[in-house]
């Protein structure tokens, strides 16, 4: 099995956001679990590119 780096922007129900990098085995399964968790908390996630992740990290 090969791991895959996945980059996400998390936005909570108040609009506060952060980015994160995850190393996962099954990207689709991971994204589904993250989408379900975000919906439960009335937030959302947005898949982003590595470049977007790095740019956002550099701002903070």
Protein backbone atom coordinates (compact mmCIF):
# COMPACT_ATOMS: atom_id res chain seq x y z
CA UNK A 1 0.00 0.00 0.00
CA UNK A 2 1.12 3.50 -0.74
CA UNK A 3 0.27 6.46 1.44
CA UNK A 4 -1.11 9.65 -0.08
CA UNK A 5 -0.67 13.20 1.23
CA UNK A 6 -4.04 14.94 1.40
CA UNK A 7 -4.51 18.64 2.12
CA UNK A 8 -7.71 20.07 3.61
CA UNK A 9 -9.02 23.45 4.68
CA UNK A 10 -11.29 23.11 7.71
CA UNK A 11 -13.92 25.82 8.27
CA UNK A 12 -15.98 25.74 11.46
CA UNK A 13 -19.54 27.01 11.85
CA UNK A 14 -18.24 30.46 12.89
CA UNK A 15 -16.07 30.80 9.78
CA UNK A 16 -12.77 30.18 11.57
CA UNK A 17 -10.48 28.15 9.36
CA UNK A 18 -7.22 26.23 9.35
CA UNK A 19 -5.38 24.00 6.93
CA UNK A 20 -3.96 20.56 7.59
CA UNK A 21 -1.95 17.89 5.84
CA UNK A 22 -2.79 14.23 6.34
CA UNK A 23 -1.00 11.10 5.18
CA UNK A 24 -3.68 8.52 4.40
CA UNK A 25 -4.02 5.08 2.84
CA UNK A 26 -7.48 5.52 1.33
CA UNK A 27 -8.18 9.13 0.31
CA UNK A 28 -11.84 8.62 -0.59
CA UNK A 29 -12.66 6.90 2.69
CA UNK A 30 -10.79 9.55 4.67
CA UNK A 31 -12.55 12.43 2.86
CA UNK A 32 -15.94 10.83 3.49
CA UNK A 33 -15.22 10.56 7.22
CA UNK A 34 -13.99 14.18 7.35
CA UNK A 35 -17.06 15.42 5.45
CA UNK A 36 -19.36 13.53 7.83
CA UNK A 37 -17.57 14.93 10.89
CA UNK A 38 -17.66 18.49 9.52
CA UNK A 39 -21.37 18.24 8.71
CA UNK A 40 -22.07 16.96 12.21
CA UNK A 41 -20.32 20.03 13.65
CA UNK A 42 -22.03 22.38 11.13
CA UNK A 43 -18.71 23.16 9.47
CA UNK A 44 -17.17 22.19 6.19
CA UNK A 45 -13.94 20.97 4.64
CA UNK A 46 -12.41 21.90 1.33
CA UNK A 47 -9.81 19.76 -0.42
CA UNK A 48 -6.88 22.00 -1.44
CA UNK A 49 -3.61 21.60 -3.31
CA UNK A 50 -0.18 21.39 -1.72
CA UNK A 51 0.58 24.89 -3.07
CA UNK A 52 -2.57 26.31 -1.43
CA UNK A 53 -1.63 24.56 1.82
CA UNK A 54 1.90 26.02 1.77
CA UNK A 55 0.61 29.52 0.91
CA UNK A 56 -1.92 29.47 3.75
CA UNK A 57 0.69 28.18 6.23
CA UNK A 58 3.07 30.96 5.19
CA UNK A 59 0.41 33.60 6.03
CA UNK A 60 0.16 32.42 9.65
